[in-house]
Amino acid sequence: MSDIILISDPRVAAVPLQDSGEPLVDVTDTPRVVVDQRYADDAGAWRLVRSGVRDRLAAAAAVLPDGVDLLLVEGFRPPALQRRYFADYSAELAAADPSLDAVALHHLAARHISPPEVAPHSAGAAVDVTVARHGVELDLGTRMNATPEESDGRCYTDHPDVPADAAAWRRVLVEAMTGAGFVNYATEWWHFSFGDRYWALLTDAPAALYGPAVA
């Protein structure tokens, strides 16, 4: 797993941006996509994504096994919230290891929280999703948003020490999402994006389609 490209990689920030201008849209009525409430906010931002992302969510959900739906936990994340998440996690890591310099701290934090300047959630390009069968969230080996420290690395999509059933469901999720055009952030089995700078780098697209958005 040492060859994983982190979103803090300078090549990500260097990707050109040609924003498509697609609006943020609500995914609530998307077939076979269930909107989870754990990150609900008063403005409803968590259930928003770019329209092209919503279309791809629908395509991914359509190929899941019968009785299985996508469970959207978080979509759009306002930039101020992204900055707070990154600062809080960086502070947590610094407290655990005061020897970390600024570069190392930034690198470690980026395994779990995207640096605000390139964050795909703030572009409406990323979704945190899992799968639910007949309305019951399935066990994919760690809780949603588990940190590498908390999960001993099992939050990494391809971690070898994950129960067989959980690993199988991860494969189902990844195949459905990547088949619809998303890329997975390999340190987080639940995180997928389309149209952002990270997606563009991994797919050799000439430019990102989505920059920072406003709800």
N, C-alpha and C. Protein backbone atom coordinates (compact mmCIF):
# COMPACT_ATOMS: atom_id res chain seq x y z
N MET A 1 0.82 -1.21 0.00
CA MET A 1 0.00 0.00 0.00
C MET A 1 0.85 1.26 0.00
N SER A 2 2.17 1.09 -0.10
CA SER A 2 3.06 2.24 -0.08
C SER A 2 3.00 3.05 -1.36
N ASP A 3 2.40 2.51 -2.43
CA ASP A 3 2.34 3.22 -3.70
C ASP A 3 1.07 4.04 -3.85
N ILE A 4 0.30 4.19 -2.79
CA ILE A 4 -0.92 4.99 -2.84
C ILE A 4 -0.57 6.46 -3.06
N ILE A 5 -1.25 7.10 -4.00
CA ILE A 5 -1.08 8.53 -4.21
C ILE A 5 -2.03 9.26 -3.27
N LEU A 6 -1.47 10.03 -2.35
CA LEU A 6 -2.29 10.80 -1.43
C LEU A 6 -2.76 12.08 -2.09
N ILE A 7 -3.86 12.60 -1.59
CA ILE A 7 -4.43 13.81 -2.19
C ILE A 7 -3.57 15.03 -1.90
N SER A 8 -2.63 14.91 -0.97
CA SER A 8 -1.68 16.00 -0.71
C SER A 8 -0.52 16.02 -1.70
N ASP A 9 -0.44 15.03 -2.58
CA ASP A 9 0.63 14.97 -3.57
C ASP A 9 0.59 16.25 -4.42
N PRO A 10 1.73 16.90 -4.62
CA PRO A 10 1.74 18.16 -5.39
C PRO A 10 1.16 18.01 -6.80
N ARG A 11 1.20 16.81 -7.35
CA ARG A 11 0.65 16.61 -8.69
C ARG A 11 -0.86 16.83 -8.72
N VAL A 12 -1.53 16.61 -7.59
CA VAL A 12 -2.98 16.83 -7.54
C VAL A 12 -3.29 18.33 -7.67
N ALA A 13 -2.63 19.15 -6.87
CA ALA A 13 -2.87 20.60 -6.92
C ALA A 13 -2.48 21.20 -8.26
N ALA A 14 -1.57 20.53 -8.97
CA ALA A 14 -1.10 21.05 -10.26
C ALA A 14 -2.05 20.77 -11.42
N VAL A 15 -3.06 19.93 -11.20
CA VAL A 15 -4.00 19.61 -12.28
C VAL A 15 -4.81 20.86 -12.64
N PRO A 16 -4.90 21.19 -13.93
CA PRO A 16 -5.70 22.36 -14.33
C PRO A 16 -7.18 22.16 -14.00
N LEU A 17 -7.89 23.26 -13.86
CA LEU A 17 -9.32 23.23 -13.58
C LEU A 17 -10.08 23.92 -14.70
N GLN A 18 -11.07 23.22 -15.24
CA GLN A 18 -11.99 23.80 -16.23
C GLN A 18 -13.40 23.47 -15.74
N ASP A 19 -13.89 24.27 -14.80
CA ASP A 19 -15.15 23.96 -14.14
C ASP A 19 -16.29 23.92 -15.14
N SER A 20 -17.06 22.86 -15.08
CA SER A 20 -18.17 22.66 -16.02
C SER A 20 -19.36 23.55 -15.73
N GLY A 21 -19.41 24.10 -14.53
CA GLY A 21 -20.55 24.92 -14.15
C GLY A 21 -21.78 24.13 -13.75
N GLU A 22 -21.65 22.81 -13.64
CA GLU A 22 -22.80 21.99 -13.23
C GLU A 22 -23.25 22.40 -11.83
N PRO A 23 -24.55 22.44 -11.61
CA PRO A 23 -25.05 22.84 -10.29
C PRO A 23 -24.93 21.73 -9.26
N LEU A 24 -24.99 22.12 -8.01
CA LEU A 24 -25.17 21.16 -6.92
C LEU A 24 -26.64 20.76 -6.90
N VAL A 25 -26.90 19.47 -6.77
CA VAL A 25 -28.28 18.98 -6.76
C VAL A 25 -28.46 18.02 -5.60
N ASP A 26 -29.69 17.86 -5.19
CA ASP A 26 -30.04 16.99 -4.07
C ASP A 26 -30.18 15.55 -4.57
N VAL A 27 -29.57 14.61 -3.87
CA VAL A 27 -29.63 13.21 -4.29
C VAL A 27 -30.80 12.45 -3.68
N THR A 28 -31.64 13.13 -2.91
CA THR A 28 -32.67 12.45 -2.13
C THR A 28 -33.55 11.52 -2.95
N ASP A 29 -33.94 11.92 -4.15
CA ASP A 29 -34.86 11.12 -4.95
C ASP A 29 -34.15 10.22 -5.97
N THR A 30 -32.85 10.03 -5.81
CA THR A 30 -32.10 9.18 -6.73
C THR A 30 -32.45 7.72 -6.47
N PRO A 31 -32.85 6.98 -7.51
CA PRO A 31 -33.25 5.57 -7.30
C PRO A 31 -32.15 4.75 -6.64
N ARG A 32 -32.53 3.99 -5.63
CA ARG A 32 -31.66 3.05 -4.91
C ARG A 32 -30.48 3.73 -4.20
N VAL A 33 -30.63 5.03 -3.94
CA VAL A 33 -29.67 5.76 -3.12
C VAL A 33 -30.41 6.24 -1.88
N VAL A 34 -30.00 5.75 -0.72
CA VAL A 34 -30.61 6.12 0.55
C VAL A 34 -29.73 7.17 1.22
N VAL A 35 -30.33 8.27 1.64
CA VAL A 35 -29.57 9.35 2.27
C VAL A 35 -29.55 9.15 3.78
N ASP A 36 -28.37 8.90 4.30
CA ASP A 36 -28.17 8.70 5.73
C ASP A 36 -28.23 10.06 6.44
N GLN A 37 -28.56 10.05 7.72
CA GLN A 37 -28.77 11.29 8.46
C GLN A 37 -27.63 11.64 9.43
N ARG A 38 -26.60 10.83 9.53
CA ARG A 38 -25.64 11.04 10.62
C ARG A 38 -24.85 12.34 10.49
N TYR A 39 -24.69 12.86 9.25
CA TYR A 39 -24.00 14.14 9.07
C TYR A 39 -24.95 15.23 8.58
N ALA A 40 -26.23 15.06 8.87
CA ALA A 40 -27.21 16.05 8.44
C ALA A 40 -26.89 17.42 8.99
N ASP A 41 -27.08 18.44 8.15
CA ASP A 41 -26.90 19.82 8.59
C ASP A 41 -28.15 20.61 8.22
N ASP A 42 -28.33 21.73 8.87
CA ASP A 42 -29.56 22.50 8.69
C ASP A 42 -29.76 22.96 7.25
N ALA A 43 -28.66 23.22 6.55
CA ALA A 43 -28.76 23.71 5.17
C ALA A 43 -28.96 22.57 4.16
N GLY A 44 -28.81 21.33 4.60
CA GLY A 44 -28.95 20.21 3.68
C GLY A 44 -27.77 19.99 2.76
N ALA A 45 -26.62 20.57 3.11
CA ALA A 45 -25.45 20.48 2.24
C ALA A 45 -24.97 19.04 2.05
N TRP A 46 -25.09 18.22 3.09
CA TRP A 46 -24.52 16.88 3.04
C TRP A 46 -25.15 16.00 1.97
N ARG A 47 -26.35 16.34 1.52
CA ARG A 47 -27.01 15.52 0.51
C ARG A 47 -26.91 16.11 -0.91
N LEU A 48 -26.04 17.12 -1.08
CA LEU A 48 -25.83 17.75 -2.37
C LEU A 48 -24.58 17.21 -3.05
N VAL A 49 -24.63 17.10 -4.37
CA VAL A 49 -23.47 16.76 -5.20
C VAL A 49 -23.66 17.46 -6.55
N ARG A 50 -22.63 17.50 -7.36
CA ARG A 50 -22.79 18.00 -8.73
C ARG A 50 -23.74 17.07 -9.50
N SER A 51 -24.41 17.62 -10.48
CA SER A 51 -25.41 16.83 -11.21
C SER A 51 -24.80 15.62 -11.89
N GLY A 52 -23.58 15.75 -12.40
CA GLY A 52 -22.93 14.60 -13.02
C GLY A 52 -22.58 13.52 -12.03
N VAL A 53 -22.29 13.92 -10.80
CA VAL A 53 -22.02 12.95 -9.75
C VAL A 53 -23.29 12.20 -9.39
N ARG A 54 -24.41 12.93 -9.30
CA ARG A 54 -25.69 12.26 -9.01
C ARG A 54 -26.02 11.22 -10.09
N ASP A 55 -25.80 11.57 -11.34
CA ASP A 55 -26.10 10.62 -12.41
C ASP A 55 -25.26 9.35 -12.27
N ARG A 56 -24.03 9.52 -11.86
CA ARG A 56 -23.15 8.35 -11.70
C ARG A 56 -23.49 7.55 -10.45
N LEU A 57 -23.97 8.21 -9.42
CA LEU A 57 -24.47 7.48 -8.26
C LEU A 57 -25.64 6.58 -8.65
N ALA A 58 -26.53 7.11 -9.46
CA ALA A 58 -27.66 6.31 -9.92
C ALA A 58 -27.19 5.11 -10.73
N ALA A 59 -26.18 5.33 -11.58
CA ALA A 59 -25.65 4.23 -12.39
C ALA A 59 -25.00 3.17 -11.51
N ALA A 60 -24.28 3.60 -10.48
CA ALA A 60 -23.63 2.65 -9.58
C ALA A 60 -24.67 1.85 -8.80
N ALA A 61 -25.68 2.53 -8.29
CA ALA A 61 -26.72 1.86 -7.50
C ALA A 61 -27.47 0.84 -8.34
N ALA A 62 -27.64 1.12 -9.62
CA ALA A 62 -28.44 0.24 -10.49
C ALA A 62 -27.82 -1.13 -10.69
N VAL A 63 -26.51 -1.25 -10.49
CA VAL A 63 -25.87 -2.55 -10.73
C VAL A 63 -25.61 -3.33 -9.45
N LEU A 64 -26.03 -2.79 -8.31
CA LEU A 64 -25.88 -3.52 -7.05
C LEU A 64 -26.81 -4.73 -7.02
N PRO A 65 -26.49 -5.74 -6.22
CA PRO A 65 -27.37 -6.91 -6.11
C PRO A 65 -28.77 -6.52 -5.67
N ASP A 66 -29.74 -7.34 -6.02
CA ASP A 66 -31.12 -7.09 -5.60
C ASP A 66 -31.20 -6.94 -4.08
N GLY A 67 -31.95 -5.95 -3.64
CA GLY A 67 -32.13 -5.73 -2.20
C GLY A 67 -31.04 -4.89 -1.57
N VAL A 68 -30.02 -4.52 -2.35
CA VAL A 68 -28.90 -3.74 -1.83
C VAL A 68 -28.95 -2.33 -2.43
N ASP A 69 -28.84 -1.33 -1.58
CA ASP A 69 -28.84 0.07 -2.02
C ASP A 69 -27.54 0.74 -1.62
N LEU A 70 -27.23 1.85 -2.31
CA LEU A 70 -26.17 2.73 -1.85
C LEU A 70 -26.67 3.56 -0.68
N LEU A 71 -25.83 3.73 0.32
CA LEU A 71 -26.15 4.57 1.46
C LEU A 71 -25.21 5.77 1.42
N LEU A 72 -25.75 6.94 1.07
CA LEU A 72 -24.95 8.15 1.01
C LEU A 72 -24.84 8.75 2.40
N VAL A 73 -23.63 8.85 2.91
CA VAL A 73 -23.41 9.40 4.24
C VAL A 73 -23.05 10.88 4.17
N GLU A 74 -22.27 11.27 3.16
CA GLU A 74 -21.93 12.69 3.02
C GLU A 74 -21.53 12.98 1.59
N GLY A 75 -22.04 14.12 1.08
CA GLY A 75 -21.67 14.60 -0.24
C GLY A 75 -20.91 15.91 -0.10
N PHE A 76 -21.56 17.02 -0.47
CA PHE A 76 -20.91 18.33 -0.41
C PHE A 76 -20.56 18.71 1.02
N ARG A 77 -19.38 19.27 1.16
CA ARG A 77 -18.89 19.74 2.45
C ARG A 77 -18.42 21.19 2.28
N PRO A 78 -19.09 22.16 2.87
CA PRO A 78 -18.68 23.56 2.70
C PRO A 78 -17.20 23.75 3.07
N PRO A 79 -16.51 24.64 2.36
CA PRO A 79 -15.07 24.83 2.60
C PRO A 79 -14.72 25.12 4.06
N ALA A 80 -15.53 25.89 4.75
CA ALA A 80 -15.24 26.20 6.16
C ALA A 80 -15.24 24.95 7.01
N LEU A 81 -16.16 24.04 6.73
CA LEU A 81 -16.22 22.78 7.47
C LEU A 81 -15.03 21.91 7.13
N GLN A 82 -14.62 21.90 5.86
CA GLN A 82 -13.45 21.13 5.45
C GLN A 82 -12.20 21.63 6.17
N ARG A 83 -12.06 22.95 6.24
CA ARG A 83 -10.90 23.52 6.94
C ARG A 83 -10.90 23.11 8.41
N ARG A 84 -12.07 23.11 9.02
CA ARG A 84 -12.15 22.74 10.43
C ARG A 84 -11.79 21.28 10.63
N TYR A 85 -12.31 20.39 9.78
CA TYR A 85 -11.99 18.97 9.88
C TYR A 85 -10.48 18.74 9.76
N PHE A 86 -9.87 19.41 8.76
CA PHE A 86 -8.43 19.20 8.53
C PHE A 86 -7.61 19.73 9.70
N ALA A 87 -7.97 20.89 10.21
CA ALA A 87 -7.24 21.48 11.34
C ALA A 87 -7.40 20.63 12.59
N ASP A 88 -8.60 20.15 12.84
CA ASP A 88 -8.84 19.34 14.04
C ASP A 88 -8.06 18.03 14.00
N TYR A 89 -8.07 17.37 12.84
CA TYR A 89 -7.36 16.09 12.74
C TYR A 89 -5.85 16.31 12.80
N SER A 90 -5.37 17.38 12.18
CA SER A 90 -3.94 17.70 12.25
C SER A 90 -3.52 17.94 13.69
N ALA A 91 -4.36 18.63 14.45
CA ALA A 91 -4.05 18.90 15.85
C ALA A 91 -4.03 17.61 16.66
N GLU A 92 -4.94 16.71 16.35
CA GLU A 92 -4.98 15.41 17.02
C GLU A 92 -3.70 14.62 16.76
N LEU A 93 -3.24 14.62 15.51
CA LEU A 93 -2.01 13.91 15.16
C LEU A 93 -0.79 14.56 15.82
N ALA A 94 -0.76 15.88 15.84
CA ALA A 94 0.36 16.59 16.45
C ALA A 94 0.44 16.33 17.95
N ALA A 95 -0.71 16.24 18.59
CA ALA A 95 -0.72 15.95 20.02
C ALA A 95 -0.22 14.55 20.31
N ALA A 96 -0.51 13.62 19.40
CA ALA A 96 -0.06 12.23 19.59
C ALA A 96 1.42 12.07 19.32
N ASP A 97 1.98 12.93 18.45
CA ASP A 97 3.39 12.82 18.11
C ASP A 97 3.96 14.23 17.90
N PRO A 98 4.40 14.90 18.98
CA PRO A 98 4.90 16.27 18.87
C PRO A 98 6.15 16.40 18.01
N SER A 99 6.80 15.30 17.67
CA SER A 99 8.01 15.38 16.86
C SER A 99 7.74 15.63 15.39
N LEU A 100 6.48 15.52 14.96
CA LEU A 100 6.15 15.70 13.55
C LEU A 100 6.39 17.14 13.11
N ASP A 101 7.08 17.30 11.97
CA ASP A 101 7.21 18.65 11.42
C ASP A 101 6.00 18.94 10.54
N ALA A 102 5.93 20.14 10.00
CA ALA A 102 4.74 20.57 9.27
C ALA A 102 4.49 19.72 8.03
N VAL A 103 5.56 19.33 7.32
CA VAL A 103 5.41 18.53 6.11
C VAL A 103 4.88 17.14 6.44
N ALA A 104 5.48 16.51 7.44
CA ALA A 104 5.04 15.17 7.84
C ALA A 104 3.61 15.19 8.36
N LEU A 105 3.27 16.23 9.11
CA LEU A 105 1.92 16.34 9.66
C LEU A 105 0.89 16.48 8.54
N HIS A 106 1.21 17.31 7.56
CA HIS A 106 0.31 17.50 6.42
C HIS A 106 0.10 16.19 5.67
N HIS A 107 1.19 15.45 5.48
CA HIS A 107 1.14 14.16 4.78
C HIS A 107 0.27 13.16 5.54
N LEU A 108 0.46 13.06 6.84
CA LEU A 108 -0.32 12.12 7.63
C LEU A 108 -1.80 12.50 7.67
N ALA A 109 -2.07 13.77 7.83
CA ALA A 109 -3.46 14.21 7.89
C ALA A 109 -4.20 13.92 6.59
N ALA A 110 -3.48 14.00 5.47
CA ALA A 110 -4.10 13.81 4.16
C ALA A 110 -4.50 12.37 3.88
N ARG A 111 -4.05 11.43 4.72
CA ARG A 111 -4.53 10.05 4.55
C ARG A 111 -6.01 9.96 4.86
N HIS A 112 -6.51 10.88 5.69
CA HIS A 112 -7.88 10.76 6.19
C HIS A 112 -8.76 11.97 5.88
N ILE A 113 -8.17 13.16 5.85
CA ILE A 113 -8.92 14.38 5.55
C ILE A 113 -8.20 15.12 4.42
N SER A 114 -8.93 15.46 3.37
CA SER A 114 -8.30 16.15 2.24
C SER A 114 -7.87 17.56 2.63
N PRO A 115 -6.69 17.99 2.21
CA PRO A 115 -6.31 19.38 2.41
C PRO A 115 -7.36 20.29 1.78
N PRO A 116 -7.75 21.36 2.46
CA PRO A 116 -8.86 22.19 1.98
C PRO A 116 -8.71 22.71 0.56
N GLU A 117 -7.47 22.99 0.14
CA GLU A 117 -7.27 23.60 -1.17
C GLU A 117 -7.57 22.66 -2.33
N VAL A 118 -7.62 21.35 -2.08
CA VAL A 118 -7.91 20.39 -3.16
C VAL A 118 -9.04 19.45 -2.79
N ALA A 119 -9.80 19.77 -1.74
CA ALA A 119 -10.79 18.84 -1.21
C ALA A 119 -11.92 18.57 -2.21
N PRO A 120 -12.12 17.32 -2.63
CA PRO A 120 -13.20 17.01 -3.56
C PRO A 120 -14.59 17.17 -2.97
N HIS A 121 -14.75 16.96 -1.67
CA HIS A 121 -16.07 17.17 -1.06
C HIS A 121 -16.51 18.63 -1.23
N SER A 122 -15.59 19.56 -1.13
CA SER A 122 -15.95 20.97 -1.24
C SER A 122 -16.21 21.40 -2.68
N ALA A 123 -15.92 20.51 -3.62
CA ALA A 123 -16.25 20.76 -5.03
C ALA A 123 -17.58 20.11 -5.41
N GLY A 124 -18.20 19.40 -4.47
CA GLY A 124 -19.40 18.64 -4.81
C GLY A 124 -19.09 17.43 -5.65
N ALA A 125 -17.83 17.01 -5.63
CA ALA A 125 -17.35 15.93 -6.50
C ALA A 125 -17.19 14.60 -5.78
N ALA A 126 -17.26 14.61 -4.46
CA ALA A 126 -16.97 13.40 -3.68
C ALA A 126 -18.18 12.96 -2.88
N VAL A 127 -18.23 11.67 -2.66
CA VAL A 127 -19.27 11.08 -1.80
C VAL A 127 -18.64 10.07 -0.87
N ASP A 128 -19.15 10.03 0.33
CA ASP A 128 -18.83 8.95 1.28
C ASP A 128 -20.04 8.03 1.28
N VAL A 129 -19.84 6.81 0.80
CA VAL A 129 -20.95 5.89 0.63
C VAL A 129 -20.61 4.50 1.15
N THR A 130 -21.65 3.76 1.48
CA THR A 130 -21.51 2.36 1.79
C THR A 130 -22.73 1.64 1.22
N VAL A 131 -22.97 0.42 1.63
CA VAL A 131 -24.11 -0.33 1.10
C VAL A 131 -25.00 -0.80 2.25
N ALA A 132 -26.29 -0.88 1.94
CA ALA A 132 -27.29 -1.35 2.90
C ALA A 132 -28.15 -2.40 2.23
N ARG A 133 -28.46 -3.46 2.95
CA ARG A 133 -29.31 -4.52 2.41
C ARG A 133 -30.64 -4.50 3.14
N HIS A 134 -31.70 -4.30 2.39
CA HIS A 134 -33.05 -4.19 2.96
C HIS A 134 -33.09 -3.18 4.11
N GLY A 135 -32.36 -2.06 3.88
CA GLY A 135 -32.38 -0.97 4.85
C GLY A 135 -31.40 -1.07 5.98
N VAL A 136 -30.63 -2.15 6.05
CA VAL A 136 -29.68 -2.35 7.15
C VAL A 136 -28.26 -2.16 6.63
N GLU A 137 -27.53 -1.21 7.20
CA GLU A 137 -26.15 -0.96 6.80
C GLU A 137 -25.29 -2.20 7.02
N LEU A 138 -24.52 -2.55 6.00
CA LEU A 138 -23.69 -3.75 6.08
C LEU A 138 -22.34 -3.43 6.72
N ASP A 139 -21.71 -4.45 7.26
CA ASP A 139 -20.40 -4.31 7.90
C ASP A 139 -19.32 -4.44 6.84
N LEU A 140 -18.58 -3.36 6.61
CA LEU A 140 -17.49 -3.39 5.64
C LEU A 140 -16.12 -3.37 6.32
N GLY A 141 -16.08 -3.77 7.57
CA GLY A 141 -14.79 -4.00 8.23
C GLY A 141 -14.37 -2.94 9.22
N THR A 142 -14.80 -1.71 9.02
CA THR A 142 -14.57 -0.63 9.99
C THR A 142 -15.81 0.25 9.96
N ARG A 143 -15.93 1.11 10.93
CA ARG A 143 -17.01 2.09 10.87
C ARG A 143 -16.69 3.09 9.77
N MET A 144 -17.71 3.72 9.24
CA MET A 144 -17.53 4.81 8.29
C MET A 144 -16.70 5.91 8.94
N ASN A 145 -15.72 6.41 8.20
CA ASN A 145 -14.83 7.51 8.64
C ASN A 145 -13.88 7.11 9.76
N ALA A 146 -13.62 5.82 9.93
CA ALA A 146 -12.59 5.40 10.89
C ALA A 146 -11.23 5.92 10.44
N THR A 147 -10.44 6.42 11.38
CA THR A 147 -9.10 6.90 11.05
C THR A 147 -8.14 5.73 10.91
N PRO A 148 -7.00 5.95 10.24
CA PRO A 148 -5.99 4.88 10.18
C PRO A 148 -5.51 4.46 11.56
N GLU A 149 -5.43 5.42 12.49
CA GLU A 149 -4.97 5.09 13.85
C GLU A 149 -6.00 4.22 14.57
N GLU A 150 -7.25 4.61 14.50
CA GLU A 150 -8.31 3.89 15.17
C GLU A 150 -8.48 2.47 14.63
N SER A 151 -8.37 2.33 13.30
CA SER A 151 -8.65 1.05 12.65
C SER A 151 -7.41 0.21 12.39
N ASP A 152 -6.24 0.69 12.83
CA ASP A 152 -4.98 0.01 12.56
C ASP A 152 -4.81 -0.22 11.06
N GLY A 153 -5.23 0.77 10.28
CA GLY A 153 -5.07 0.72 8.84
C GLY A 153 -6.15 -0.02 8.09
N ARG A 154 -7.09 -0.63 8.80
CA ARG A 154 -8.12 -1.42 8.11
C ARG A 154 -9.12 -0.56 7.33
N CYS A 155 -9.05 0.76 7.52
CA CYS A 155 -9.87 1.65 6.69
C CYS A 155 -9.36 1.70 5.26
N TYR A 156 -8.12 1.29 5.03
CA TYR A 156 -7.59 1.25 3.67
C TYR A 156 -8.39 0.22 2.86
N THR A 157 -8.78 0.60 1.67
CA THR A 157 -9.70 -0.22 0.88
C THR A 157 -9.21 -1.65 0.71
N ASP A 158 -7.94 -1.83 0.41
CA ASP A 158 -7.41 -3.15 0.12
C ASP A 158 -6.61 -3.76 1.27
N HIS A 159 -6.88 -3.31 2.49
CA HIS A 159 -6.15 -3.87 3.63
C HIS A 159 -6.38 -5.38 3.70
N PRO A 160 -5.31 -6.16 3.87
CA PRO A 160 -5.47 -7.62 3.83
C PRO A 160 -6.14 -8.22 5.06
N ASP A 161 -6.15 -7.49 6.18
CA ASP A 161 -6.67 -8.05 7.42
C ASP A 161 -8.09 -7.54 7.69
N VAL A 162 -8.99 -7.89 6.79
CA VAL A 162 -10.40 -7.53 6.90
C VAL A 162 -11.20 -8.81 6.76
N PRO A 163 -12.24 -9.03 7.57
CA PRO A 163 -13.03 -10.25 7.44
C PRO A 163 -13.50 -10.49 6.01
N ALA A 164 -13.61 -11.74 5.64
CA ALA A 164 -13.91 -12.10 4.25
C ALA A 164 -15.21 -11.48 3.76
N ASP A 165 -16.26 -11.51 4.59
CA ASP A 165 -17.54 -10.94 4.17
C ASP A 165 -17.42 -9.43 3.93
N ALA A 166 -16.71 -8.75 4.82
CA ALA A 166 -16.53 -7.30 4.67
C ALA A 166 -15.72 -6.99 3.41
N ALA A 167 -14.67 -7.77 3.18
CA ALA A 167 -13.85 -7.56 1.99
C ALA A 167 -14.67 -7.78 0.72
N ALA A 168 -15.55 -8.78 0.75
CA ALA A 168 -16.39 -9.05 -0.42
C ALA A 168 -17.33 -7.88 -0.70
N TRP A 169 -17.92 -7.30 0.34
CA TRP A 169 -18.80 -6.16 0.14
C TRP A 169 -18.03 -4.93 -0.30
N ARG A 170 -16.81 -4.78 0.17
CA ARG A 170 -15.98 -3.68 -0.34
C ARG A 170 -15.78 -3.82 -1.84
N ARG A 171 -15.54 -5.04 -2.30
CA ARG A 171 -15.34 -5.26 -3.74
C ARG A 171 -16.61 -4.93 -4.51
N VAL A 172 -17.76 -5.32 -3.96
CA VAL A 172 -19.03 -4.98 -4.62
C VAL A 172 -19.18 -3.47 -4.76
N LEU A 173 -18.90 -2.75 -3.67
CA LEU A 173 -19.02 -1.30 -3.67
C LEU A 173 -18.04 -0.67 -4.66
N VAL A 174 -16.79 -1.09 -4.61
CA VAL A 174 -15.77 -0.52 -5.49
C VAL A 174 -16.09 -0.79 -6.95
N GLU A 175 -16.50 -2.00 -7.27
CA GLU A 175 -16.80 -2.33 -8.66
C GLU A 175 -17.98 -1.51 -9.18
N ALA A 176 -19.01 -1.33 -8.35
CA ALA A 176 -20.16 -0.54 -8.78
C ALA A 176 -19.76 0.92 -9.00
N MET A 177 -19.00 1.48 -8.06
CA MET A 177 -18.65 2.90 -8.14
C MET A 177 -17.63 3.17 -9.25
N THR A 178 -16.61 2.36 -9.35
CA THR A 178 -15.62 2.60 -10.40
C THR A 178 -16.21 2.31 -11.77
N GLY A 179 -17.12 1.36 -11.84
CA GLY A 179 -17.80 1.10 -13.11
C GLY A 179 -18.62 2.27 -13.59
N ALA A 180 -19.05 3.11 -12.65
CA ALA A 180 -19.83 4.31 -12.98
C ALA A 180 -18.94 5.53 -13.21
N GLY A 181 -17.62 5.36 -13.11
CA GLY A 181 -16.70 6.45 -13.42
C GLY A 181 -16.01 7.09 -12.25
N PHE A 182 -16.31 6.66 -11.03
CA PHE A 182 -15.66 7.21 -9.85
C PHE A 182 -14.27 6.61 -9.64
N VAL A 183 -13.44 7.31 -8.87
CA VAL A 183 -12.20 6.75 -8.36
C VAL A 183 -12.32 6.66 -6.85
N ASN A 184 -11.70 5.66 -6.28
CA ASN A 184 -11.69 5.47 -4.83
C ASN A 184 -10.42 6.08 -4.24
N TYR A 185 -10.55 6.70 -3.07
CA TYR A 185 -9.37 7.14 -2.33
C TYR A 185 -8.94 5.96 -1.49
N ALA A 186 -7.79 5.38 -1.81
CA ALA A 186 -7.43 4.05 -1.32
C ALA A 186 -7.19 3.96 0.17
N THR A 187 -7.12 5.09 0.87
CA THR A 187 -6.99 5.05 2.33
C THR A 187 -8.35 5.02 3.02
N GLU A 188 -9.42 5.15 2.23
CA GLU A 188 -10.78 5.19 2.78
C GLU A 188 -11.70 4.38 1.88
N TRP A 189 -12.13 3.23 2.32
CA TRP A 189 -12.94 2.36 1.46
C TRP A 189 -14.26 3.00 1.05
N TRP A 190 -14.72 4.01 1.77
CA TRP A 190 -16.03 4.63 1.55
C TRP A 190 -16.00 5.86 0.65
N HIS A 191 -14.80 6.38 0.34
CA HIS A 191 -14.68 7.67 -0.34
C HIS A 191 -14.45 7.50 -1.83
N PHE A 192 -15.34 8.11 -2.62
CA PHE A 192 -15.24 8.05 -4.08
C PHE A 192 -15.46 9.45 -4.65
N SER A 193 -14.81 9.73 -5.77
CA SER A 193 -15.00 11.05 -6.37
C SER A 193 -14.99 10.95 -7.89
N PHE A 194 -15.57 11.97 -8.49
CA PHE A 194 -15.59 12.11 -9.94
C PHE A 194 -15.48 13.59 -10.27
N GLY A 195 -14.62 13.93 -11.21
CA GLY A 195 -14.55 15.29 -11.72
C GLY A 195 -13.62 16.23 -10.99
N ASP A 196 -13.06 15.82 -9.86
CA ASP A 196 -12.16 16.68 -9.10
C ASP A 196 -10.73 16.50 -9.57
N ARG A 197 -9.80 17.21 -8.95
CA ARG A 197 -8.40 17.13 -9.36
C ARG A 197 -7.80 15.74 -9.11
N TYR A 198 -8.17 15.12 -8.01
CA TYR A 198 -7.63 13.79 -7.72
C TYR A 198 -8.11 12.79 -8.77
N TRP A 199 -9.38 12.83 -9.11
CA TRP A 199 -9.93 11.98 -10.18
C TRP A 199 -9.19 12.23 -11.48
N ALA A 200 -8.96 13.50 -11.81
CA ALA A 200 -8.28 13.83 -13.07
C ALA A 200 -6.88 13.25 -13.12
N LEU A 201 -6.15 13.35 -12.00
CA LEU A 201 -4.79 12.80 -11.97
C LEU A 201 -4.81 11.29 -12.17
N LEU A 202 -5.69 10.60 -11.47
CA LEU A 202 -5.71 9.13 -11.55
C LEU A 202 -6.22 8.61 -12.89
N THR A 203 -7.04 9.39 -13.58
CA THR A 203 -7.61 8.93 -14.85
C THR A 203 -6.94 9.56 -16.06
N ASP A 204 -5.90 10.37 -15.83
CA ASP A 204 -5.20 11.07 -16.91
C ASP A 204 -6.11 12.02 -17.68
N ALA A 205 -7.13 12.54 -17.03
CA ALA A 205 -7.97 13.55 -17.67
C ALA A 205 -7.17 14.85 -17.82
N PRO A 206 -7.42 15.63 -18.86
CA PRO A 206 -6.63 16.85 -19.07
C PRO A 206 -6.87 17.93 -18.03
N ALA A 207 -8.03 17.90 -17.39
CA ALA A 207 -8.36 18.93 -16.38
C ALA A 207 -9.45 18.41 -15.47
N ALA A 208 -9.53 19.01 -14.29
CA ALA A 208 -10.64 18.73 -13.39
C ALA A 208 -11.90 19.43 -13.91
N LEU A 209 -13.04 18.82 -13.65
CA LEU A 209 -14.32 19.37 -14.10
C LEU A 209 -15.01 20.22 -13.05
N TYR A 210 -14.63 20.02 -11.79
CA TYR A 210 -15.31 20.70 -10.70
C TYR A 210 -14.30 21.33 -9.74
N GLY A 211 -14.48 22.62 -9.49
CA GLY A 211 -13.70 23.30 -8.47
C GLY A 211 -14.57 23.58 -7.26
N PRO A 212 -14.10 24.40 -6.32
CA PRO A 212 -14.88 24.70 -5.12
C PRO A 212 -16.28 25.19 -5.47
N ALA A 213 -17.27 24.67 -4.76
CA ALA A 213 -18.67 25.00 -5.06
C ALA A 213 -19.29 25.76 -3.90
N VAL A 214 -20.41 26.39 -4.19
CA VAL A 214 -21.17 27.13 -3.18
C VAL A 214 -22.60 26.62 -3.20
N ALA A 215 -23.09 26.21 -2.04
CA ALA A 215 -24.45 25.70 -1.98
C ALA A 215 -25.47 26.83 -2.04
